[in-house]
Amino acid sequence: MKSAKGEVVKSELGFYGKPGSSVMILLTDSPKAKTSCTVVSRVATPADIAATATQLSKAIKASVPGARAARSDLSIAYIGGSRIAMLEPTGTKDKPATRIVVAFNAPEKK
């Protein structure tokens, strides 16, 4: 990453994407983040975010049948078992995007 002045900015994140693709995947080696994944993607229109939410909901419910959804403004969180997924609109009106975070929280051992 570089700042607006072109200076290198240190980050724990590794940024991965293909030239011409609207998808970017952020990864880190931080032990705190080993149980989660974040995907950021541009979308053509804000309506595409709703289509993404529908597909994410289907995928979550297929892998965690008892999952439930909760909304807050334009964000949606899917919670089920030891998993949580969150979809949030991001970007601008001219360049809409979406951010999806999926995390696993192992149950505490008794």
PDB file of N, CA and C in Angstrom:
ATOM      1  N   MET A   1       0.845  -1.173   0.000  1.00  0.00           N
ATOM      2  CA  MET A   1       0.000   0.000   0.000  1.00  0.00           C
ATOM      3  C   MET A   1       0.888   1.232   0.000  1.00  0.00           C
ATOM      4  N   LYS A   2       0.360   2.286  -0.627  1.00  0.00           N
ATOM      5  CA  LYS A   2       1.064   3.555  -0.647  1.00  0.00           C
ATOM      6  C   LYS A   2       0.102   4.661  -0.255  1.00  0.00           C
ATOM      7  N   SER A   3       0.641   5.671   0.412  1.00  0.00           N
ATOM      8  CA  SER A   3      -0.167   6.826   0.794  1.00  0.00           C
ATOM      9  C   SER A   3      -0.411   7.690  -0.430  1.00  0.00           C
ATOM     10  N   ALA A   4      -1.224   8.729  -0.269  1.00  0.00           N
ATOM     11  CA  ALA A   4      -1.505   9.647  -1.376  1.00  0.00           C
ATOM     12  C   ALA A   4      -0.222  10.318  -1.868  1.00  0.00           C
ATOM     13  N   LYS A   5       0.782  10.409  -0.989  1.00  0.00           N
ATOM     14  CA  LYS A   5       2.063  11.020  -1.361  1.00  0.00           C
ATOM     15  C   LYS A   5       3.019  10.005  -1.984  1.00  0.00           C
ATOM     16  N   GLY A   6       2.570   8.750  -2.123  1.00  0.00           N
ATOM     17  CA  GLY A   6       3.411   7.724  -2.730  1.00  0.00           C
ATOM     18  C   GLY A   6       4.343   7.013  -1.758  1.00  0.00           C
ATOM     19  N   GLU A   7       4.192   7.288  -0.462  1.00  0.00           N
ATOM     20  CA  GLU A   7       5.037   6.643   0.545  1.00  0.00           C
ATOM     21  C   GLU A   7       4.465   5.268   0.895  1.00  0.00           C
ATOM     22  N   VAL A   8       5.347   4.308   1.152  1.00  0.00           N
ATOM     23  CA  VAL A   8       4.914   2.966   1.524  1.00  0.00           C
ATOM     24  C   VAL A   8       4.275   3.009   2.905  1.00  0.00           C
ATOM     25  N   VAL A   9       3.107   2.388   3.041  1.00  0.00           N
ATOM     26  CA  VAL A   9       2.391   2.314   4.314  1.00  0.00           C
ATOM     27  C   VAL A   9       2.495   0.879   4.811  1.00  0.00           C
ATOM     28  N   LYS A  10       2.992   0.699   6.031  1.00  0.00           N
ATOM     29  CA  LYS A  10       3.107  -0.646   6.593  1.00  0.00           C
ATOM     30  C   LYS A  10       1.729  -1.143   7.007  1.00  0.00           C
ATOM     31  N   SER A  11       1.473  -2.409   6.753  1.00  0.00           N
ATOM     32  CA  SER A  11       0.197  -3.005   7.095  1.00  0.00           C
ATOM     33  C   SER A  11       0.387  -4.491   7.348  1.00  0.00           C
ATOM     34  N   GLU A  12      -0.388  -5.036   8.271  1.00  0.00           N
ATOM     35  CA  GLU A  12      -0.385  -6.483   8.502  1.00  0.00           C
ATOM     36  C   GLU A  12      -1.137  -7.205   7.387  1.00  0.00           C
ATOM     37  N   LEU A  13      -1.870  -6.462   6.582  1.00  0.00           N
ATOM     38  CA  LEU A  13      -2.710  -7.066   5.550  1.00  0.00           C
ATOM     39  C   LEU A  13      -1.943  -7.319   4.265  1.00  0.00           C
ATOM     40  N   GLY A  14      -2.254  -8.445   3.652  1.00  0.00           N
ATOM     41  CA  GLY A  14      -1.803  -8.719   2.296  1.00  0.00           C
ATOM     42  C   GLY A  14      -3.001  -8.526   1.393  1.00  0.00           C
ATOM     43  N   PHE A  15      -2.838  -7.808   0.294  1.00  0.00           N
ATOM     44  CA  PHE A  15      -3.934  -7.519  -0.629  1.00  0.00           C
ATOM     45  C   PHE A  15      -3.764  -8.384  -1.871  1.00  0.00           C
ATOM     46  N   TYR A  16      -4.813  -9.093  -2.252  1.00  0.00           N
ATOM     47  CA  TYR A  16      -4.748  -9.985  -3.399  1.00  0.00           C
ATOM     48  C   TYR A  16      -5.920  -9.720  -4.330  1.00  0.00           C
ATOM     49  N   GLY A  17      -5.626  -9.660  -5.613  1.00  0.00           N
ATOM     50  CA  GLY A  17      -6.658  -9.461  -6.613  1.00  0.00           C
ATOM     51  C   GLY A  17      -6.053  -9.665  -7.988  1.00  0.00           C
ATOM     52  N   LYS A  18      -6.899  -9.829  -8.972  1.00  0.00           N
ATOM     53  CA  LYS A  18      -6.441  -9.998 -10.352  1.00  0.00           C
ATOM     54  C   LYS A  18      -6.640  -8.689 -11.094  1.00  0.00           C
ATOM     55  N   PRO A  19      -5.705  -8.356 -11.981  1.00  0.00           N
ATOM     56  CA  PRO A  19      -5.893  -7.151 -12.795  1.00  0.00           C
ATOM     57  C   PRO A  19      -7.218  -7.235 -13.557  1.00  0.00           C
ATOM     58  N   GLY A  20      -7.979  -6.163 -13.504  1.00  0.00           N
ATOM     59  CA  GLY A  20      -9.265  -6.127 -14.195  1.00  0.00           C
ATOM     60  C   GLY A  20     -10.421  -6.683 -13.384  1.00  0.00           C
ATOM     61  N   SER A  21     -10.135  -7.338 -12.245  1.00  0.00           N
ATOM     62  CA  SER A  21     -11.189  -7.899 -11.407  1.00  0.00           C
ATOM     63  C   SER A  21     -11.661  -6.851 -10.408  1.00  0.00           C
ATOM     64  N   SER A  22     -12.920  -6.927 -10.024  1.00  0.00           N
ATOM     65  CA  SER A  22     -13.450  -5.998  -9.027  1.00  0.00           C
ATOM     66  C   SER A  22     -13.363  -6.568  -7.620  1.00  0.00           C
ATOM     67  N   VAL A  23     -12.767  -7.755  -7.464  1.00  0.00           N
ATOM     68  CA  VAL A  23     -12.694  -8.415  -6.161  1.00  0.00           C
ATOM     69  C   VAL A  23     -11.287  -8.274  -5.580  1.00  0.00           C
ATOM     70  N   MET A  24     -11.228  -7.959  -4.296  1.00  0.00           N
ATOM     71  CA  MET A  24      -9.966  -7.889  -3.578  1.00  0.00           C
ATOM     72  C   MET A  24     -10.110  -8.714  -2.309  1.00  0.00           C
ATOM     73  N   ILE A  25      -9.127  -9.540  -2.002  1.00  0.00           N
ATOM     74  CA  ILE A  25      -9.126 -10.342  -0.778  1.00  0.00           C
ATOM     75  C   ILE A  25      -8.001  -9.845   0.103  1.00  0.00           C
ATOM     76  N   LEU A  26      -8.306  -9.614   1.377  1.00  0.00           N
ATOM     77  CA  LEU A  26      -7.329  -9.136   2.340  1.00  0.00           C
ATOM     78  C   LEU A  26      -7.000 -10.268   3.302  1.00  0.00           C
ATOM     79  N   LEU A  27      -5.724 -10.576   3.464  1.00  0.00           N
ATOM     80  CA  LEU A  27      -5.292 -11.631   4.379  1.00  0.00           C
ATOM     81  C   LEU A  27      -4.219 -11.097   5.314  1.00  0.00           C
ATOM     82  N   THR A  28      -4.125 -11.705   6.481  1.00  0.00           N
ATOM     83  CA  THR A  28      -3.097 -11.336   7.437  1.00  0.00           C
ATOM     84  C   THR A  28      -2.601 -12.584   8.151  1.00  0.00           C
ATOM     85  N   ASP A  29      -1.383 -12.513   8.631  1.00  0.00           N
ATOM     86  CA  ASP A  29      -0.831 -13.618   9.422  1.00  0.00           C
ATOM     87  C   ASP A  29      -1.060 -13.410  10.913  1.00  0.00           C
ATOM     88  N   SER A  30      -1.758 -12.357  11.274  1.00  0.00           N
ATOM     89  CA  SER A  30      -2.017 -12.073  12.681  1.00  0.00           C
ATOM     90  C   SER A  30      -2.795 -13.226  13.316  1.00  0.00           C
ATOM     91  N   PRO A  31      -2.329 -13.739  14.466  1.00  0.00           N
ATOM     92  CA  PRO A  31      -3.063 -14.836  15.122  1.00  0.00           C
ATOM     93  C   PRO A  31      -4.520 -14.477  15.436  1.00  0.00           C
ATOM     94  N   LYS A  32      -4.799 -13.210  15.668  1.00  0.00           N
ATOM     95  CA  LYS A  32      -6.164 -12.782  15.982  1.00  0.00           C
ATOM     96  C   LYS A  32      -7.103 -12.918  14.786  1.00  0.00           C
ATOM     97  N   ALA A  33      -6.548 -12.954  13.571  1.00  0.00           N
ATOM     98  CA  ALA A  33      -7.380 -12.956  12.375  1.00  0.00           C
ATOM     99  C   ALA A  33      -7.397 -14.292  11.647  1.00  0.00           C
ATOM    100  N   LYS A  34      -6.837 -15.318  12.229  1.00  0.00           N
ATOM    101  CA  LYS A  34      -6.753 -16.607  11.548  1.00  0.00           C
ATOM    102  C   LYS A  34      -8.120 -17.270  11.370  1.00  0.00           C
ATOM    103  N   THR A  35      -9.130 -16.782  12.039  1.00  0.00           N
ATOM    104  CA  THR A  35     -10.451 -17.407  11.950  1.00  0.00           C
ATOM    105  C   THR A  35     -11.442 -16.570  11.146  1.00  0.00           C
ATOM    106  N   SER A  36     -10.935 -15.598  10.369  1.00  0.00           N
ATOM    107  CA  SER A  36     -11.862 -14.785   9.594  1.00  0.00           C
ATOM    108  C   SER A  36     -11.297 -14.470   8.216  1.00  0.00           C
ATOM    109  N   CYS A  37     -12.202 -14.048   7.347  1.00  0.00           N
ATOM    110  CA  CYS A  37     -11.853 -13.704   5.967  1.00  0.00           C
ATOM    111  C   CYS A  37     -12.673 -12.478   5.581  1.00  0.00           C
ATOM    112  N   THR A  38     -12.056 -11.555   4.857  1.00  0.00           N
ATOM    113  CA  THR A  38     -12.755 -10.371   4.382  1.00  0.00           C
ATOM    114  C   THR A  38     -12.608 -10.279   2.870  1.00  0.00           C
ATOM    115  N   VAL A  39     -13.714 -10.042   2.192  1.00  0.00           N
ATOM    116  CA  VAL A  39     -13.698  -9.841   0.747  1.00  0.00           C
ATOM    117  C   VAL A  39     -14.354  -8.489   0.471  1.00  0.00           C
ATOM    118  N   VAL A  40     -13.669  -7.662  -0.308  1.00  0.00           N
ATOM    119  CA  VAL A  40     -14.203  -6.366  -0.715  1.00  0.00           C
ATOM    120  C   VAL A  40     -14.336  -6.392  -2.230  1.00  0.00           C
ATOM    121  N   SER A  41     -15.491  -5.968  -2.733  1.00  0.00           N
ATOM    122  CA  SER A  41     -15.704  -6.004  -4.178  1.00  0.00           C
ATOM    123  C   SER A  41     -16.524  -4.802  -4.635  1.00  0.00           C
ATOM    124  N   ARG A  42     -16.115  -4.222  -5.763  1.00  0.00           N
ATOM    125  CA  ARG A  42     -16.961  -3.206  -6.390  1.00  0.00           C
ATOM    126  C   ARG A  42     -18.173  -3.917  -6.974  1.00  0.00           C
ATOM    127  N   VAL A  43     -19.247  -3.177  -7.116  1.00  0.00           N
ATOM    128  CA  VAL A  43     -20.449  -3.693  -7.779  1.00  0.00           C
ATOM    129  C   VAL A  43     -20.895  -2.650  -8.788  1.00  0.00           C
ATOM    130  N   ALA A  44     -21.628  -3.093  -9.805  1.00  0.00           N
ATOM    131  CA  ALA A  44     -22.061  -2.176 -10.856  1.00  0.00           C
ATOM    132  C   ALA A  44     -23.105  -1.179 -10.344  1.00  0.00           C
ATOM    133  N   THR A  45     -24.044  -1.674  -9.539  1.00  0.00           N
ATOM    134  CA  THR A  45     -25.099  -0.817  -8.997  1.00  0.00           C
ATOM    135  C   THR A  45     -25.379  -1.226  -7.551  1.00  0.00           C
ATOM    136  N   PRO A  46     -25.949  -0.327  -6.755  1.00  0.00           N
ATOM    137  CA  PRO A  46     -26.306  -0.699  -5.390  1.00  0.00           C
ATOM    138  C   PRO A  46     -27.257  -1.905  -5.332  1.00  0.00           C
ATOM    139  N   ALA A  47     -28.070  -2.103  -6.364  1.00  0.00           N
ATOM    140  CA  ALA A  47     -28.979  -3.257  -6.390  1.00  0.00           C
ATOM    141  C   ALA A  47     -28.202  -4.570  -6.399  1.00  0.00           C
ATOM    142  N   ASP A  48     -26.982  -4.553  -6.912  1.00  0.00           N
ATOM    143  CA  ASP A  48     -26.158  -5.766  -6.917  1.00  0.00           C
ATOM    144  C   ASP A  48     -25.805  -6.215  -5.498  1.00  0.00           C
ATOM    145  N   ILE A  49     -25.790  -5.279  -4.561  1.00  0.00           N
ATOM    146  CA  ILE A  49     -25.500  -5.638  -3.169  1.00  0.00           C
ATOM    147  C   ILE A  49     -26.623  -6.522  -2.628  1.00  0.00           C
ATOM    148  N   ALA A  50     -27.864  -6.208  -2.977  1.00  0.00           N
ATOM    149  CA  ALA A  50     -29.003  -7.029  -2.551  1.00  0.00           C
ATOM    150  C   ALA A  50     -28.898  -8.433  -3.143  1.00  0.00           C
ATOM    151  N   ALA A  51     -28.476  -8.531  -4.404  1.00  0.00           N
ATOM    152  CA  ALA A  51     -28.311  -9.847  -5.031  1.00  0.00           C
ATOM    153  C   ALA A  51     -27.210 -10.629  -4.331  1.00  0.00           C
ATOM    154  N   THR A  52     -26.134  -9.933  -3.955  1.00  0.00           N
ATOM    155  CA  THR A  52     -25.040 -10.582  -3.212  1.00  0.00           C
ATOM    156  C   THR A  52     -25.546 -11.067  -1.859  1.00  0.00           C
ATOM    157  N   ALA A  53     -26.356 -10.261  -1.187  1.00  0.00           N
ATOM    158  CA  ALA A  53     -26.909 -10.646   0.117  1.00  0.00           C
ATOM    159  C   ALA A  53     -27.773 -11.896  -0.018  1.00  0.00           C
ATOM    160  N   THR A  54     -28.548 -11.983  -1.091  1.00  0.00           N
ATOM    161  CA  THR A  54     -29.388 -13.162  -1.323  1.00  0.00           C
ATOM    162  C   THR A  54     -28.531 -14.411  -1.485  1.00  0.00           C
ATOM    163  N   GLN A  55     -27.474 -14.322  -2.278  1.00  0.00           N
ATOM    164  CA  GLN A  55     -26.596 -15.474  -2.496  1.00  0.00           C
ATOM    165  C   GLN A  55     -25.847 -15.853  -1.226  1.00  0.00           C
ATOM    166  N   LEU A  56     -25.390 -14.850  -0.458  1.00  0.00           N
ATOM    167  CA  LEU A  56     -24.702 -15.129   0.812  1.00  0.00           C
ATOM    168  C   LEU A  56     -25.657 -15.809   1.776  1.00  0.00           C
ATOM    169  N   SER A  57     -26.889 -15.329   1.842  1.00  0.00           N
ATOM    170  CA  SER A  57     -27.886 -15.936   2.723  1.00  0.00           C
ATOM    171  C   SER A  57     -28.120 -17.404   2.369  1.00  0.00           C
ATOM    172  N   LYS A  58     -28.237 -17.703   1.074  1.00  0.00           N
ATOM    173  CA  LYS A  58     -28.434 -19.091   0.639  1.00  0.00           C
ATOM    174  C   LYS A  58     -27.241 -19.960   1.038  1.00  0.00           C
ATOM    175  N   ALA A  59     -26.028 -19.443   0.848  1.00  0.00           N
ATOM    176  CA  ALA A  59     -24.817 -20.211   1.184  1.00  0.00           C
ATOM    177  C   ALA A  59     -24.720 -20.455   2.686  1.00  0.00           C
ATOM    178  N   ILE A  60     -25.029 -19.432   3.482  1.00  0.00           N
ATOM    179  CA  ILE A  60     -24.969 -19.576   4.944  1.00  0.00           C
ATOM    180  C   ILE A  60     -26.003 -20.593   5.407  1.00  0.00           C
ATOM    181  N   LYS A  61     -27.233 -20.460   4.942  1.00  0.00           N
ATOM    182  CA  LYS A  61     -28.307 -21.364   5.378  1.00  0.00           C
ATOM    183  C   LYS A  61     -28.071 -22.799   4.925  1.00  0.00           C
ATOM    184  N   ALA A  62     -27.368 -22.984   3.799  1.00  0.00           N
ATOM    185  CA  ALA A  62     -27.051 -24.336   3.330  1.00  0.00           C
ATOM    186  C   ALA A  62     -25.994 -24.987   4.227  1.00  0.00           C
ATOM    187  N   SER A  63     -25.050 -24.185   4.727  1.00  0.00           N
ATOM    188  CA  SER A  63     -23.991 -24.759   5.568  1.00  0.00           C
ATOM    189  C   SER A  63     -24.338 -24.729   7.048  1.00  0.00           C
ATOM    190  N   VAL A  64     -25.217 -23.809   7.450  1.00  0.00           N
ATOM    191  CA  VAL A  64     -25.654 -23.706   8.852  1.00  0.00           C
ATOM    192  C   VAL A  64     -27.174 -23.546   8.837  1.00  0.00           C
ATOM    193  N   PRO A  65     -27.925 -24.670   8.802  1.00  0.00           N
ATOM    194  CA  PRO A  65     -29.387 -24.598   8.644  1.00  0.00           C
ATOM    195  C   PRO A  65     -30.106 -23.714   9.667  1.00  0.00           C
ATOM    196  N   GLY A  66     -29.623 -23.601  10.875  1.00  0.00           N
ATOM    197  CA  GLY A  66     -30.306 -22.796  11.888  1.00  0.00           C
ATOM    198  C   GLY A  66     -29.880 -21.341  11.917  1.00  0.00           C
ATOM    199  N   ALA A  67     -29.106 -20.887  10.933  1.00  0.00           N
ATOM    200  CA  ALA A  67     -28.611 -19.508  10.931  1.00  0.00           C
ATOM    201  C   ALA A  67     -29.764 -18.518  10.842  1.00  0.00           C
ATOM    202  N   ARG A  68     -29.571 -17.386  11.467  1.00  0.00           N
ATOM    203  CA  ARG A  68     -30.586 -16.341  11.407  1.00  0.00           C
ATOM    204  C   ARG A  68     -29.914 -15.031  10.965  1.00  0.00           C
ATOM    205  N   ALA A  69     -30.694 -14.133  10.409  1.00  0.00           N
ATOM    206  CA  ALA A  69     -30.174 -12.860   9.911  1.00  0.00           C
ATOM    207  C   ALA A  69     -30.654 -11.731  10.798  1.00  0.00           C
ATOM    208  N   ALA A  70     -29.816 -10.718  10.936  1.00  0.00           N
ATOM    209  CA  ALA A  70     -30.174  -9.507  11.683  1.00  0.00           C
ATOM    210  C   ALA A  70     -29.715  -8.316  10.850  1.00  0.00           C
ATOM    211  N   ARG A  71     -30.577  -7.297  10.756  1.00  0.00           N
ATOM    212  CA  ARG A  71     -30.248  -6.107   9.967  1.00  0.00           C
ATOM    213  C   ARG A  71     -30.008  -4.912  10.865  1.00  0.00           C
ATOM    214  N   SER A  72     -29.108  -4.049  10.406  1.00  0.00           N
ATOM    215  CA  SER A  72     -28.872  -2.758  11.034  1.00  0.00           C
ATOM    216  C   SER A  72     -28.595  -1.784   9.903  1.00  0.00           C
ATOM    217  N   ASP A  73     -29.489  -0.861   9.672  1.00  0.00           N
ATOM    218  CA  ASP A  73     -29.403   0.033   8.517  1.00  0.00           C
ATOM    219  C   ASP A  73     -29.260  -0.808   7.253  1.00  0.00           C
ATOM    220  N   LEU A  74     -28.157  -0.668   6.539  1.00  0.00           N
ATOM    221  CA  LEU A  74     -27.970  -1.408   5.296  1.00  0.00           C
ATOM    222  C   LEU A  74     -27.103  -2.652   5.481  1.00  0.00           C
ATOM    223  N   SER A  75     -26.614  -2.885   6.698  1.00  0.00           N
ATOM    224  CA  SER A  75     -25.763  -4.048   6.972  1.00  0.00           C
ATOM    225  C   SER A  75     -26.619  -5.247   7.371  1.00  0.00           C
ATOM    226  N   ILE A  76     -26.129  -6.430   7.019  1.00  0.00           N
ATOM    227  CA  ILE A  76     -26.812  -7.664   7.396  1.00  0.00           C
ATOM    228  C   ILE A  76     -25.794  -8.581   8.046  1.00  0.00           C
ATOM    229  N   ALA A  77     -26.161  -9.141   9.196  1.00  0.00           N
ATOM    230  CA  ALA A  77     -25.308 -10.131   9.868  1.00  0.00           C
ATOM    231  C   ALA A  77     -26.057 -11.453   9.878  1.00  0.00           C
ATOM    232  N   TYR A  78     -25.343 -12.518   9.563  1.00  0.00           N
ATOM    233  CA  TYR A  78     -25.886 -13.873   9.597  1.00  0.00           C
ATOM    234  C   TYR A  78     -25.173 -14.594  10.723  1.00  0.00           C
ATOM    235  N   ILE A  79     -25.946 -15.141  11.664  1.00  0.00           N
ATOM    236  CA  ILE A  79     -25.363 -15.778  12.835  1.00  0.00           C
ATOM    237  C   ILE A  79     -25.906 -17.191  12.940  1.00  0.00           C
ATOM    238  N   GLY A  80     -24.996 -18.145  13.140  1.00  0.00           N
ATOM    239  CA  GLY A  80     -25.433 -19.524  13.292  1.00  0.00           C
ATOM    240  C   GLY A  80     -24.299 -20.403  13.775  1.00  0.00           C
ATOM    241  N   GLY A  81     -24.575 -21.198  14.781  1.00  0.00           N
ATOM    242  CA  GLY A  81     -23.539 -22.080  15.317  1.00  0.00           C
ATOM    243  C   GLY A  81     -22.344 -21.272  15.760  1.00  0.00           C
ATOM    244  N   SER A  82     -21.193 -21.617  15.279  1.00  0.00           N
ATOM    245  CA  SER A  82     -19.976 -20.898  15.656  1.00  0.00           C
ATOM    246  C   SER A  82     -19.517 -19.969  14.530  1.00  0.00           C
ATOM    247  N   ARG A  83     -20.417 -19.667  13.604  1.00  0.00           N
ATOM    248  CA  ARG A  83     -20.067 -18.823  12.465  1.00  0.00           C
ATOM    249  C   ARG A  83     -20.867 -17.528  12.467  1.00  0.00           C
ATOM    250  N   ILE A  84     -20.243 -16.504  11.921  1.00  0.00           N
ATOM    251  CA  ILE A  84     -20.926 -15.234  11.695  1.00  0.00           C
ATOM    252  C   ILE A  84     -20.448 -14.690  10.354  1.00  0.00           C
ATOM    253  N   ALA A  85     -21.345 -14.125   9.602  1.00  0.00           N
ATOM    254  CA  ALA A  85     -20.995 -13.471   8.349  1.00  0.00           C
ATOM    255  C   ALA A  85     -21.679 -12.119   8.338  1.00  0.00           C
ATOM    256  N   MET A  86     -20.995 -11.124   7.810  1.00  0.00           N
ATOM    257  CA  MET A  86     -21.575  -9.793   7.753  1.00  0.00           C
ATOM    258  C   MET A  86     -21.367  -9.212   6.367  1.00  0.00           C
ATOM    259  N   LEU A  87     -22.412  -8.644   5.808  1.00  0.00           N
ATOM    260  CA  LEU A  87     -22.353  -7.972   4.522  1.00  0.00           C
ATOM    261  C   LEU A  87     -22.672  -6.508   4.758  1.00  0.00           C
ATOM    262  N   GLU A  88     -21.799  -5.634   4.260  1.00  0.00           N
ATOM    263  CA  GLU A  88     -22.009  -4.199   4.416  1.00  0.00           C
ATOM    264  C   GLU A  88     -21.761  -3.490   3.089  1.00  0.00           C
ATOM    265  N   PRO A  89     -22.649  -2.568   2.719  1.00  0.00           N
ATOM    266  CA  PRO A  89     -22.356  -1.746   1.551  1.00  0.00           C
ATOM    267  C   PRO A  89     -21.198  -0.808   1.904  1.00  0.00           C
ATOM    268  N   THR A  90     -20.381  -0.511   0.940  1.00  0.00           N
ATOM    269  CA  THR A  90     -19.279   0.423   1.138  1.00  0.00           C
ATOM    270  C   THR A  90     -19.048   1.142  -0.186  1.00  0.00           C
ATOM    271  N   GLY A  91     -18.012   1.899  -0.294  1.00  0.00           N
ATOM    272  CA  GLY A  91     -17.767   2.647  -1.521  1.00  0.00           C
ATOM    273  C   GLY A  91     -18.545   3.952  -1.515  1.00  0.00           C
ATOM    274  N   THR A  92     -18.831   4.460  -2.705  1.00  0.00           N
ATOM    275  CA  THR A  92     -19.548   5.728  -2.862  1.00  0.00           C
ATOM    276  C   THR A  92     -20.742   5.521  -3.783  1.00  0.00           C
ATOM    277  N   LYS A  93     -21.561   6.554  -3.948  1.00  0.00           N
ATOM    278  CA  LYS A  93     -22.699   6.443  -4.869  1.00  0.00           C
ATOM    279  C   LYS A  93     -22.224   6.206  -6.291  1.00  0.00           C
ATOM    280  N   ASP A  94     -21.118   6.831  -6.652  1.00  0.00           N
ATOM    281  CA  ASP A  94     -20.582   6.668  -8.004  1.00  0.00           C
ATOM    282  C   ASP A  94     -19.822   5.361  -8.181  1.00  0.00           C
ATOM    283  N   LYS A  95     -19.245   4.847  -7.106  1.00  0.00           N
ATOM    284  CA  LYS A  95     -18.472   3.598  -7.158  1.00  0.00           C
ATOM    285  C   LYS A  95     -18.901   2.704  -5.999  1.00  0.00           C
ATOM    286  N   PRO A  96     -20.104   2.110  -6.093  1.00  0.00           N
ATOM    287  CA  PRO A  96     -20.581   1.269  -4.990  1.00  0.00           C
ATOM    288  C   PRO A  96     -19.726   0.007  -4.853  1.00  0.00           C
ATOM    289  N   ALA A  97     -19.674  -0.494  -3.639  1.00  0.00           N
ATOM    290  CA  ALA A  97     -18.911  -1.708  -3.346  1.00  0.00           C
ATOM    291  C   ALA A  97     -19.563  -2.410  -2.173  1.00  0.00           C
ATOM    292  N   THR A  98     -19.096  -3.602  -1.892  1.00  0.00           N
ATOM    293  CA  THR A  98     -19.588  -4.355  -0.749  1.00  0.00           C
ATOM    294  C   THR A  98     -18.424  -5.000  -0.023  1.00  0.00           C
ATOM    295  N   ARG A  99     -18.595  -5.186   1.267  1.00  0.00           N
ATOM    296  CA  ARG A  99     -17.588  -5.860   2.091  1.00  0.00           C
ATOM    297  C   ARG A  99     -18.287  -7.023   2.783  1.00  0.00           C
ATOM    298  N   ILE A 100     -17.685  -8.201   2.674  1.00  0.00           N
ATOM    299  CA  ILE A 100     -18.214  -9.389   3.337  1.00  0.00           C
ATOM    300  C   ILE A 100     -17.142  -9.916   4.279  1.00  0.00           C
ATOM    301  N   VAL A 101     -17.514 -10.122   5.529  1.00  0.00           N
ATOM    302  CA  VAL A 101     -16.612 -10.701   6.526  1.00  0.00           C
ATOM    303  C   VAL A 101     -17.241 -11.998   7.009  1.00  0.00           C
ATOM    304  N   VAL A 102     -16.463 -13.068   6.997  1.00  0.00           N
ATOM    305  CA  VAL A 102     -16.912 -14.355   7.516  1.00  0.00           C
ATOM    306  C   VAL A 102     -15.942 -14.762   8.606  1.00  0.00           C
ATOM    307  N   ALA A 103     -16.474 -15.124   9.772  1.00  0.00           N
ATOM    308  CA  ALA A 103     -15.618 -15.475  10.908  1.00  0.00           C
ATOM    309  C   ALA A 103     -16.120 -16.751  11.572  1.00  0.00           C
ATOM    310  N   PHE A 104     -15.193 -17.460  12.170  1.00  0.00           N
ATOM    311  CA  PHE A 104     -15.482 -18.680  12.909  1.00  0.00           C
ATOM    312  C   PHE A 104     -15.046 -18.461  14.346  1.00  0.00           C
ATOM    313  N   ASN A 105     -15.919 -18.754  15.271  1.00  0.00           N
ATOM    314  CA  ASN A 105     -15.602 -18.609  16.697  1.00  0.00           C
ATOM    315  C   ASN A 105     -15.807 -19.981  17.334  1.00  0.00           C
ATOM    316  N   ALA A 106     -14.714 -20.666  17.582  1.00  0.00           N
ATOM    317  CA  ALA A 106     -14.805 -22.019  18.161  1.00  0.00           C
ATOM    318  C   ALA A 106     -15.460 -21.952  19.537  1.00  0.00           C
ATOM    319  N   PRO A 107     -16.329 -22.906  19.840  1.00  0.00           N
ATOM    320  CA  PRO A 107     -16.950 -22.939  21.157  1.00  0.00           C
ATOM    321  C   PRO A 107     -15.883 -23.148  22.242  1.00  0.00           C
ATOM    322  N   GLU A 108     -16.151 -22.550  23.398  1.00  0.00           N
ATOM    323  CA  GLU A 108     -15.197 -22.698  24.515  1.00  0.00           C
ATOM    324  C   GLU A 108     -15.187 -24.149  24.983  1.00  0.00           C
ATOM    325  N   LYS A 109     -13.997 -24.615  25.292  1.00  0.00           N
ATOM    326  CA  LYS A 109     -13.864 -25.977  25.824  1.00  0.00           C
ATOM    327  C   LYS A 109     -14.186 -25.950  27.295  1.00  0.00           C
ATOM    328  N   LYS A 110     -14.945 -26.953  27.716  1.00  0.00           N
ATOM    329  CA  LYS A 110     -15.355 -27.013  29.138  1.00  0.00           C
ATOM    330  C   LYS A 110     -14.499 -27.995  29.868  1.00  0.00           C
TER     331      LYS A 110
END
